[in-house]
Amino acid sequence: SAHSALPHGAGLVFLSHEAAAETGVHNACAALMRWSAEAGVATIVPAVDSPGEDGFHGLYCGSLPDDAILGGRLVLTTARRSNEELVAIDLDSGAVQALTP
């Protein structure tokens, strides 16, 4: 889906493909964003230019899964090299945890 609703009407989370639009690169890294009526739009996980020390390559997915918010975390798959990786993203801190061994 294009977005996922946060519990208790706290807003929406969505993917921004602004990096792809700016560079013209097909399937560029996405940013995970949050919208709320109180705070407007904020970045949870920014687009990644190159992997950091933690090895996170960024979010490479076209949409968010339905009903994927569990206990304040969004669980989704993202492409990493030639594989799909399952990750959990803390919606408050933006911390990304790999769930795929």
Protein backbone atom coordinates (compact mmCIF):
# COMPACT_ATOMS: atom_id res chain seq x y z
CA SER A 1 0.00 0.00 0.00
CA ALA A 2 1.06 3.61 -0.35
CA HIS A 3 0.91 4.25 3.38
CA SER A 4 0.19 2.61 6.74
CA ALA A 5 -1.93 4.17 9.46
CA LEU A 6 -0.37 4.46 12.90
CA PRO A 7 -2.31 3.05 15.86
CA HIS A 8 -4.83 5.26 17.67
CA GLY A 9 -5.02 7.79 14.82
CA ALA A 10 -1.47 9.03 15.49
CA GLY A 11 -0.81 9.66 11.78
CA LEU A 12 0.56 7.85 8.74
CA VAL A 13 3.89 6.41 7.65
CA PHE A 14 4.83 6.38 3.97
CA LEU A 15 7.77 5.94 1.62
CA SER A 16 9.26 8.95 -0.14
CA HIS A 17 10.94 8.31 -3.47
CA GLU A 18 12.19 11.89 -3.73
CA ALA A 19 15.78 10.67 -4.28
CA ALA A 20 14.65 8.78 -7.39
CA ALA A 21 12.74 11.80 -8.67
CA GLU A 22 15.72 14.11 -8.12
CA THR A 23 18.33 11.83 -9.68
CA GLY A 24 16.25 10.04 -12.30
CA VAL A 25 17.62 6.73 -11.02
CA HIS A 26 15.11 3.89 -11.37
CA ASN A 27 14.56 2.05 -8.05
CA ALA A 28 16.61 4.50 -5.96
CA CYS A 29 16.68 4.28 -2.19
CA ALA A 30 13.50 5.41 -0.41
CA ALA A 31 13.07 7.34 2.83
CA LEU A 32 10.51 6.31 5.45
CA MET A 33 8.43 9.31 6.51
CA ARG A 34 5.79 10.04 9.15
CA TRP A 35 2.91 12.51 8.93
CA SER A 36 0.86 13.68 11.88
CA ALA A 37 -1.58 16.55 12.22
CA GLU A 38 0.46 17.95 15.13
CA ALA A 39 3.99 17.74 13.69
CA GLY A 40 3.51 17.60 9.92
CA VAL A 41 6.00 15.50 7.93
CA ALA A 42 9.17 14.09 9.53
CA THR A 43 11.81 11.62 8.38
CA ILE A 44 12.04 8.32 10.28
CA VAL A 45 14.69 6.64 8.08
CA PRO A 46 16.47 8.82 5.52
CA ALA A 47 17.52 7.67 2.07
CA VAL A 48 21.00 6.13 2.19
CA ASP A 49 23.71 7.14 -0.30
CA SER A 50 26.15 4.43 0.80
CA PRO A 51 26.05 1.84 3.60
CA GLY A 52 27.12 3.06 7.02
CA GLU A 53 29.16 1.26 9.66
CA ASP A 54 26.08 -0.79 10.55
CA GLY A 55 25.94 -2.15 6.98
CA PHE A 56 22.41 -0.85 6.35
CA HIS A 57 22.02 -0.26 2.61
CA GLY A 58 18.74 1.66 2.81
CA LEU A 59 15.14 0.94 1.93
CA TYR A 60 14.59 -0.44 -1.55
CA CYS A 61 10.88 -1.20 -1.71
CA GLY A 62 8.02 0.19 -3.72
CA SER A 63 5.29 0.03 -1.12
CA LEU A 64 4.55 -0.77 2.51
CA PRO A 65 2.89 -4.04 3.53
CA ASP A 66 -0.62 -3.95 4.98
CA ASP A 67 -0.96 -4.32 8.77
CA ALA A 68 2.81 -4.35 9.32
CA ILE A 69 3.00 -2.11 12.41
CA LEU A 70 3.61 -4.23 15.48
CA GLY A 71 4.38 -2.73 18.88
CA GLY A 72 5.73 0.55 17.54
CA ARG A 73 7.78 -1.13 14.81
CA LEU A 74 7.19 -1.40 11.09
CA VAL A 75 8.18 -4.78 9.61
CA LEU A 76 8.90 -4.90 5.88
CA THR A 77 11.13 -6.43 3.23
CA THR A 78 13.78 -4.51 1.36
CA ALA A 79 16.18 -5.50 -1.39
CA ARG A 80 19.80 -5.95 -0.36
CA ARG A 81 22.13 -6.89 -3.15
CA SER A 82 20.35 -9.80 -4.87
CA ASN A 83 18.31 -10.85 -1.82
CA GLU A 84 15.22 -9.74 0.04
CA GLU A 85 15.86 -8.81 3.68
CA LEU A 86 13.26 -8.61 6.43
CA VAL A 87 13.77 -5.59 8.70
CA ALA A 88 11.99 -4.02 11.66
CA ILE A 89 12.07 -0.23 12.00
CA ASP A 90 11.42 1.47 15.34
CA LEU A 91 8.97 4.25 14.46
CA ASP A 92 10.17 6.49 17.30
CA SER A 93 13.95 6.21 16.98
CA GLY A 94 14.32 5.15 13.33
CA ALA A 95 16.56 2.26 14.41
CA VAL A 96 16.62 -0.51 11.78
CA GLN A 97 17.02 -4.13 12.89
CA ALA A 98 17.72 -6.90 10.39
CA LEU A 99 15.46 -9.89 11.06
CA THR A 100 16.85 -12.06 8.25
CA PRO A 101 19.87 -14.11 9.38
